[in-house]
Amino acid sequence: MVVSLISARQLVRMGVRRRRRTGVGLQPVAILGANAEAIGLAESLVDPTLGRTVVAFISMQPNVPEVLCGSPVHITVDPATKAMELGVEAVVIAATSLDSTAPTDLLRSFLDRHIEIEMTSALTGVASDRIHVHAVGPYPLIRIDPGYRGGWRAMAKRMFDIVVAILMLIVLSPFLLVALVAVRIESKGPVIYSQDRLGHRGVRFRVHKIRTMVVGADRMKAELKEHNESDGPLFKMEQDPRVTKVGKVLRRYSIDEIPQLWNVIKGDMSLVGPRPALADEAEGWSDELHNRLRVRPGITGMWQVNGRSATTFSEYERLDLFYIDNWSILTDLGILARTIPAVVSRKGAA
């Protein structure tokens, strides 16, 4: 019964997502607000699997753009009536766009017209399963579960890392051997590239990868600095001339990272965690981003399964901090499950 129920629900979810991707079953919504948070909401709701389509923005403030994210902005003192005219089924309120906490009259005006209401919270960096709402008198209070990284959870994560890394190293050894031979045939020099990275609590360690660049690539980095396509301290260049022909294939499918399984077995890294950073990259970090050193770096992580090189540095920072603050064993399993499709589809690979 359990297996059948889980399977049936998953099939229903797959069917619903497939229909939504074709534009079927999407709920028309308006966003109340025209500030940065409202824009961020619209950009997030672009994903059709969320089941909504943004048809307009409604602003109670003057002097806002006429169009945001491709949708018109309507200025009004009566947002509920405007929502009715637009024919939307729900309104998503960007809380920071209001002068104060949403007044009861405003919420009631929507509900009386049978328009659903959703409202953002300032707790954008907290996973939803850690948030619980309860009442104290007339006041709804939000309780946030503390994040747990120590004790048996840390031991379980470490044991899981060791067992899975050993098994993966055995299974992937034929690919590793072929890759090493291909690198050796294409160019002279070491087939394994080792580099100092920052690990847990800022301790440096040597990370190992299959060499995908020409020998001496590190010395050429300064010459290519003006061609950096990243908007932060990371160095990113889609057509990096230092990458070899074999290296492009290895990077496309992340085969070059197989030797990092040895780093996992040694305890320098974890299967899942923030990307292991260079020391010079850390010099450009904000004080908040230094929190990523509180955990072991990982071979894969939220950044890797959400676009890798295709994401901006601000998104890279947000995803890393979200993972650190909300880590759980289930989170790791979910990221590992998403890693294989991300690698096969070459999403964000560079």
Protein backbone atom coordinates (compact mmCIF):
# COMPACT_ATOMS: atom_id res chain seq x y z
CA MET A 1 0.00 0.00 0.00
CA VAL A 2 2.81 2.42 0.88
CA VAL A 3 4.69 1.73 -2.36
CA SER A 4 1.50 1.97 -4.42
CA LEU A 5 0.46 5.24 -2.76
CA ILE A 6 3.87 6.88 -3.23
CA SER A 7 4.04 5.67 -6.85
CA ALA A 8 0.54 6.91 -7.63
CA ARG A 9 1.20 10.35 -6.16
CA GLN A 10 4.47 10.65 -8.05
CA LEU A 11 2.74 9.75 -11.31
CA VAL A 12 0.08 12.38 -10.64
CA ARG A 13 2.78 14.99 -9.91
CA MET A 14 4.60 14.12 -13.13
CA GLY A 15 1.36 14.43 -15.08
CA VAL A 16 0.49 17.79 -13.52
CA ARG A 17 4.00 19.17 -14.17
CA ARG A 18 3.88 17.99 -17.78
CA ARG A 19 0.53 19.71 -18.34
CA ARG A 20 1.75 22.90 -16.69
CA ARG A 21 4.81 23.02 -18.95
CA THR A 22 2.44 23.12 -21.91
CA GLY A 23 0.50 25.98 -20.32
CA VAL A 24 -2.45 23.89 -19.12
CA GLY A 25 -3.80 24.37 -15.59
CA LEU A 26 -1.87 27.55 -14.76
CA GLN A 27 -3.53 29.89 -12.25
CA PRO A 28 -3.53 33.55 -13.36
CA VAL A 29 -2.14 35.74 -10.57
CA ALA A 30 -1.26 39.39 -9.99
CA ILE A 31 1.62 40.59 -7.84
CA LEU A 32 0.83 43.39 -5.40
CA GLY A 33 3.92 45.58 -5.38
CA ALA A 34 6.44 46.95 -7.86
CA ASN A 35 9.69 46.84 -5.90
CA ALA A 36 12.70 44.50 -6.01
CA GLU A 37 10.90 41.80 -4.04
CA ALA A 38 7.94 41.90 -6.42
CA ILE A 39 10.30 41.55 -9.38
CA GLY A 40 12.02 38.61 -7.68
CA LEU A 41 8.63 36.96 -7.18
CA ALA A 42 7.79 37.34 -10.86
CA GLU A 43 11.13 35.89 -11.90
CA SER A 44 10.57 32.88 -9.62
CA LEU A 45 7.03 32.31 -10.89
CA VAL A 46 8.30 32.06 -14.46
CA ASP A 47 8.73 28.33 -13.74
CA PRO A 48 5.45 26.83 -15.03
CA THR A 49 5.72 23.81 -12.71
CA LEU A 50 4.78 26.15 -9.85
CA GLY A 51 1.32 26.35 -11.38
CA ARG A 52 0.98 30.12 -11.76
CA THR A 53 1.29 32.68 -14.51
CA VAL A 54 1.82 36.37 -13.68
CA VAL A 55 -0.55 38.53 -15.75
CA ALA A 56 0.11 41.90 -14.10
CA PHE A 57 1.55 43.92 -11.25
CA ILE A 58 -0.66 46.06 -9.02
CA SER A 59 0.93 48.99 -7.23
CA MET A 60 -0.51 51.26 -4.57
CA GLN A 61 2.48 53.57 -4.99
CA PRO A 62 2.91 56.13 -7.81
CA ASN A 63 6.04 56.66 -9.86
CA VAL A 64 6.66 53.05 -10.80
CA PRO A 65 7.54 51.63 -14.25
CA GLU A 66 4.70 50.90 -16.66
CA VAL A 67 6.03 47.40 -17.36
CA LEU A 68 7.97 44.95 -15.17
CA CYS A 69 9.23 41.54 -16.31
CA GLY A 70 7.11 41.84 -19.43
CA SER A 71 3.86 42.39 -17.49
CA PRO A 72 1.93 45.68 -17.18
CA VAL A 73 1.92 47.61 -13.91
CA HIS A 74 -1.44 49.00 -12.78
CA ILE A 75 -1.46 51.87 -10.27
CA THR A 76 -4.57 52.01 -8.09
CA VAL A 77 -5.83 52.84 -4.61
CA ASP A 78 -8.23 49.88 -4.77
CA PRO A 79 -6.12 46.81 -5.62
CA ALA A 80 -8.96 44.33 -4.98
CA THR A 81 -11.21 45.95 -7.60
CA LYS A 82 -8.32 46.09 -10.05
CA ALA A 83 -7.62 42.39 -9.44
CA MET A 84 -11.27 41.64 -10.25
CA GLU A 85 -11.01 43.63 -13.49
CA LEU A 86 -7.88 41.69 -14.45
CA GLY A 87 -9.68 38.41 -13.86
CA VAL A 88 -6.96 36.92 -11.66
CA GLU A 89 -7.67 34.07 -9.25
CA ALA A 90 -5.01 35.01 -6.71
CA VAL A 91 -2.82 37.90 -5.59
CA VAL A 92 0.73 37.44 -4.34
CA ILE A 93 1.65 40.27 -1.98
CA ALA A 94 5.26 41.44 -1.81
CA ALA A 95 5.25 42.37 1.88
CA THR A 96 8.12 44.86 1.59
CA SER A 97 6.11 46.92 -0.90
CA LEU A 98 3.56 47.83 1.79
CA ASP A 99 4.09 50.78 4.11
CA SER A 100 3.44 48.53 7.09
CA THR A 101 1.94 45.13 7.86
CA ALA A 102 -0.87 44.43 5.40
CA PRO A 103 -4.00 46.03 6.95
CA THR A 104 -6.90 43.72 7.63
CA ASP A 105 -9.18 45.76 5.37
CA LEU A 106 -6.89 45.19 2.39
CA LEU A 107 -6.81 41.45 2.94
CA ARG A 108 -10.56 41.33 3.53
CA SER A 109 -11.20 43.23 0.29
CA PHE A 110 -9.49 40.44 -1.65
CA LEU A 111 -11.09 37.59 0.26
CA ASP A 112 -14.58 39.05 -0.06
CA ARG A 113 -14.12 38.89 -3.85
CA HIS A 114 -12.99 35.24 -3.60
CA ILE A 115 -9.46 36.11 -4.61
CA GLU A 116 -6.82 33.97 -2.95
CA ILE A 117 -3.99 35.69 -1.08
CA GLU A 118 -0.37 34.68 -0.72
CA MET A 119 2.14 36.86 1.06
CA THR A 120 5.91 36.83 1.25
CA SER A 121 7.91 36.67 4.44
CA ALA A 122 11.24 38.19 5.37
CA LEU A 123 12.43 34.65 6.18
CA THR A 124 13.67 33.97 2.64
CA GLY A 125 16.74 32.05 3.80
CA VAL A 126 14.83 29.57 5.98
CA ALA A 127 13.51 26.26 4.62
CA SER A 128 9.72 25.99 4.85
CA ASP A 129 9.87 22.77 6.91
CA ARG A 130 11.65 24.69 9.69
CA ILE A 131 8.88 27.30 9.97
CA HIS A 132 5.88 26.72 12.25
CA VAL A 133 3.06 29.17 12.96
CA HIS A 134 1.16 29.22 16.25
CA ALA A 135 -1.03 31.76 18.00
CA VAL A 136 -0.39 33.68 21.19
CA GLY A 137 -3.66 35.47 21.89
CA PRO A 138 -4.54 37.43 18.74
CA TYR A 139 -0.93 37.37 17.51
CA PRO A 140 0.30 34.71 15.03
CA LEU A 141 3.91 33.88 15.94
CA ILE A 142 6.47 32.15 13.76
CA ARG A 143 8.75 29.58 15.37
CA ILE A 144 11.91 28.51 13.52
CA ASP A 145 13.48 25.15 14.26
CA PRO A 146 17.23 25.40 14.90
CA GLY A 147 19.52 23.86 12.32
CA TYR A 148 21.26 20.65 13.43
CA ARG A 149 24.67 19.80 11.99
CA GLY A 150 26.34 17.98 14.86
CA GLY A 151 25.79 14.78 16.83
CA TRP A 152 24.49 11.67 15.11
CA ARG A 153 23.55 13.64 11.99
CA ALA A 154 27.16 14.61 11.36
CA MET A 155 28.27 11.01 11.97
CA ALA A 156 25.61 9.71 9.60
CA LYS A 157 26.65 12.18 6.91
CA ARG A 158 30.30 11.17 7.27
CA MET A 159 29.56 7.43 7.14
CA PHE A 160 27.30 7.96 4.12
CA ASP A 161 30.04 9.95 2.38
CA ILE A 162 32.65 7.23 2.92
CA VAL A 163 30.48 4.30 1.82
CA VAL A 164 29.03 6.02 -1.27
CA ALA A 165 32.40 7.53 -2.30
CA ILE A 166 34.09 4.10 -2.19
CA LEU A 167 31.28 2.49 -4.19
CA MET A 168 31.28 5.30 -6.76
CA LEU A 169 35.05 5.14 -7.12
CA ILE A 170 34.79 1.42 -7.89
CA VAL A 171 31.91 1.84 -10.35
CA LEU A 172 33.45 4.86 -12.10
CA SER A 173 37.01 3.50 -12.26
CA PRO A 174 36.67 2.43 -15.94
CA PHE A 175 35.64 5.99 -16.91
CA LEU A 176 38.50 7.34 -14.82
CA LEU A 177 41.01 5.06 -16.56
CA VAL A 178 39.78 5.98 -20.05
CA ALA A 179 39.85 9.69 -19.17
CA LEU A 180 43.42 9.48 -17.83
CA VAL A 181 44.60 7.69 -20.99
CA ALA A 182 42.87 10.28 -23.21
CA VAL A 183 44.51 13.18 -21.35
CA ARG A 184 47.92 11.50 -21.64
CA ILE A 185 47.51 10.92 -25.40
CA GLU A 186 46.40 14.49 -26.13
CA SER A 187 49.11 16.38 -24.27
CA LYS A 188 52.21 15.91 -22.19
CA GLY A 189 52.23 16.64 -18.50
CA PRO A 190 50.57 15.27 -15.36
CA VAL A 191 47.15 13.70 -15.85
CA ILE A 192 46.00 14.65 -12.34
CA TYR A 193 45.78 18.32 -11.41
CA SER A 194 46.01 19.23 -7.72
CA GLN A 195 45.29 22.64 -6.26
CA ASP A 196 45.01 24.25 -2.83
CA ARG A 197 41.43 24.99 -1.78
CA LEU A 198 39.77 26.23 1.40
CA GLY A 199 38.07 23.51 3.43
CA HIS A 200 36.19 23.21 6.71
CA ARG A 201 36.97 26.16 9.01
CA GLY A 202 39.30 27.62 6.39
CA VAL A 203 41.85 24.79 6.57
CA ARG A 204 43.61 24.39 3.23
CA PHE A 205 43.75 21.05 1.46
CA ARG A 206 44.75 19.70 -1.94
CA VAL A 207 41.80 19.01 -4.23
CA HIS A 208 42.39 16.53 -7.05
CA LYS A 209 40.90 16.63 -10.56
CA ILE A 210 41.71 15.17 -13.95
CA ARG A 211 43.67 17.81 -15.85
CA THR A 212 41.41 19.54 -18.39
CA MET A 213 43.66 22.49 -19.23
CA VAL A 214 47.06 22.94 -20.79
CA VAL A 215 50.07 22.74 -18.48
CA GLY A 216 50.71 26.14 -16.89
CA ALA A 217 47.08 27.27 -17.12
CA ASP A 218 47.27 28.96 -13.71
CA ARG A 219 49.97 31.33 -14.95
CA MET A 220 47.77 32.30 -17.93
CA LYS A 221 44.82 33.29 -15.73
CA ALA A 222 46.10 36.85 -15.16
CA GLU A 223 46.28 37.43 -18.93
CA LEU A 224 42.63 36.38 -19.34
CA LYS A 225 41.29 38.34 -16.37
CA GLU A 226 39.78 41.04 -18.58
CA HIS A 227 37.69 38.35 -20.31
CA ASN A 228 36.13 37.12 -17.07
CA GLU A 229 32.39 36.62 -17.57
CA SER A 230 31.53 36.23 -13.89
CA ASP A 231 29.90 39.07 -11.94
CA GLY A 232 31.76 38.20 -8.72
CA PRO A 233 35.13 36.92 -7.50
CA LEU A 234 34.72 33.67 -9.46
CA PHE A 235 36.55 33.33 -12.78
CA LYS A 236 34.28 32.12 -15.58
CA MET A 237 34.99 32.09 -19.30
CA GLU A 238 32.75 30.08 -21.60
CA GLN A 239 35.35 29.80 -24.37
CA ASP A 240 38.44 29.43 -22.17
CA PRO A 241 41.42 28.90 -24.53
CA ARG A 242 43.28 26.98 -21.79
CA VAL A 243 40.82 24.07 -21.90
CA THR A 244 41.94 21.14 -24.06
CA LYS A 245 39.68 19.24 -26.47
CA VAL A 246 39.54 16.25 -24.14
CA GLY A 247 39.07 18.62 -21.22
CA LYS A 248 35.90 20.07 -22.76
CA VAL A 249 34.32 16.61 -22.87
CA LEU A 250 35.43 15.77 -19.34
CA ARG A 251 34.04 19.04 -17.98
CA ARG A 252 30.78 18.71 -19.89
CA TYR A 253 29.96 15.51 -18.03
CA SER A 254 31.90 16.32 -14.81
CA ILE A 255 34.17 13.30 -15.35
CA ASP A 256 37.15 15.44 -14.34
CA GLU A 257 35.82 15.54 -10.77
CA ILE A 258 35.92 11.77 -10.16
CA PRO A 259 39.29 11.97 -8.29
CA GLN A 260 37.59 14.21 -5.72
CA LEU A 261 35.95 11.06 -4.37
CA TRP A 262 39.35 10.39 -2.81
CA ASN A 263 39.12 13.79 -1.10
CA VAL A 264 35.74 12.67 0.28
CA ILE A 265 37.18 9.42 1.62
CA LYS A 266 40.05 11.33 3.27
CA GLY A 267 37.61 13.71 4.94
CA ASP A 268 38.67 16.90 3.14
CA MET A 269 35.33 17.09 1.33
CA SER A 270 31.79 15.77 1.41
CA LEU A 271 29.65 14.43 -1.41
CA VAL A 272 27.31 17.40 -0.93
CA GLY A 273 28.34 20.87 0.15
CA PRO A 274 29.45 24.28 -1.09
CA ARG A 275 31.96 24.39 -3.92
CA PRO A 276 35.59 24.23 -2.64
CA ALA A 277 36.87 27.77 -3.08
CA LEU A 278 40.25 29.23 -3.92
CA ALA A 279 41.93 31.45 -1.35
CA ASP A 280 41.94 34.46 -3.68
CA GLU A 281 38.19 34.03 -4.29
CA ALA A 282 37.55 34.24 -0.56
CA GLU A 283 39.13 37.70 -0.53
CA GLY A 284 36.10 38.95 -2.47
CA TRP A 285 33.54 37.32 -0.19
CA SER A 286 31.16 39.24 2.02
CA ASP A 287 31.34 38.62 5.77
CA GLU A 288 28.17 36.57 5.52
CA LEU A 289 29.55 34.32 2.78
CA HIS A 290 32.45 33.27 5.02
CA ASN A 291 29.85 31.13 6.81
CA ARG A 292 30.26 28.59 3.98
CA LEU A 293 33.51 27.53 5.70
CA ARG A 294 31.44 26.13 8.59
CA VAL A 295 30.91 22.94 6.60
CA ARG A 296 33.03 20.69 4.39
CA PRO A 297 33.00 21.65 0.71
CA GLY A 298 31.27 19.20 -1.61
CA ILE A 299 31.59 17.62 -5.04
CA THR A 300 28.01 18.61 -5.76
CA GLY A 301 25.63 21.03 -4.09
CA MET A 302 22.71 23.41 -4.55
CA TRP A 303 24.76 25.68 -6.79
CA GLN A 304 25.82 22.80 -9.02
CA VAL A 305 22.28 21.44 -9.56
CA ASN A 306 20.80 24.90 -10.13
CA GLY A 307 22.74 25.95 -13.19
CA ARG A 308 26.42 25.80 -12.12
CA SER A 309 28.30 28.30 -14.34
CA ALA A 310 25.02 29.71 -15.69
CA THR A 311 24.04 31.25 -12.33
CA THR A 312 25.03 34.71 -11.10
CA PHE A 313 27.34 35.21 -8.14
CA SER A 314 24.50 36.54 -5.97
CA GLU A 315 22.56 33.35 -6.69
CA TYR A 316 25.68 31.31 -5.96
CA GLU A 317 25.97 33.08 -2.60
CA ARG A 318 22.27 32.67 -1.76
CA LEU A 319 22.22 28.96 -2.58
CA ASP A 320 25.35 28.21 -0.54
CA LEU A 321 24.07 30.04 2.53
CA PHE A 322 20.62 28.46 2.21
CA TYR A 323 22.19 25.00 2.17
CA ILE A 324 24.38 25.72 5.20
CA ASP A 325 21.51 27.14 7.27
CA ASN A 326 19.00 24.45 6.32
CA TRP A 327 21.12 21.32 5.92
CA SER A 328 19.56 17.94 6.54
CA ILE A 329 20.24 14.38 5.41
CA LEU A 330 17.11 14.52 3.24
CA THR A 331 18.44 17.69 1.62
CA ASP A 332 21.66 15.88 0.70
CA LEU A 333 19.73 12.95 -0.76
CA GLY A 334 17.60 15.33 -2.81
CA ILE A 335 20.65 17.13 -4.20
CA LEU A 336 22.35 13.83 -5.08
CA ALA A 337 19.18 12.70 -6.86
CA ARG A 338 19.17 15.91 -8.91
CA THR A 339 22.88 15.76 -9.69
CA ILE A 340 22.63 12.92 -12.22
CA PRO A 341 20.00 14.66 -14.42
CA ALA A 342 21.97 17.93 -14.15
CA VAL A 343 25.17 16.22 -15.32
CA VAL A 344 23.48 14.25 -18.11
CA SER A 345 21.69 17.36 -19.39
CA ARG A 346 24.97 19.33 -19.04
CA LYS A 347 22.98 22.10 -17.34
CA GLY A 348 25.25 25.13 -16.81
CA ALA A 349 28.41 23.16 -17.61
CA ALA A 350 31.44 25.22 -18.61
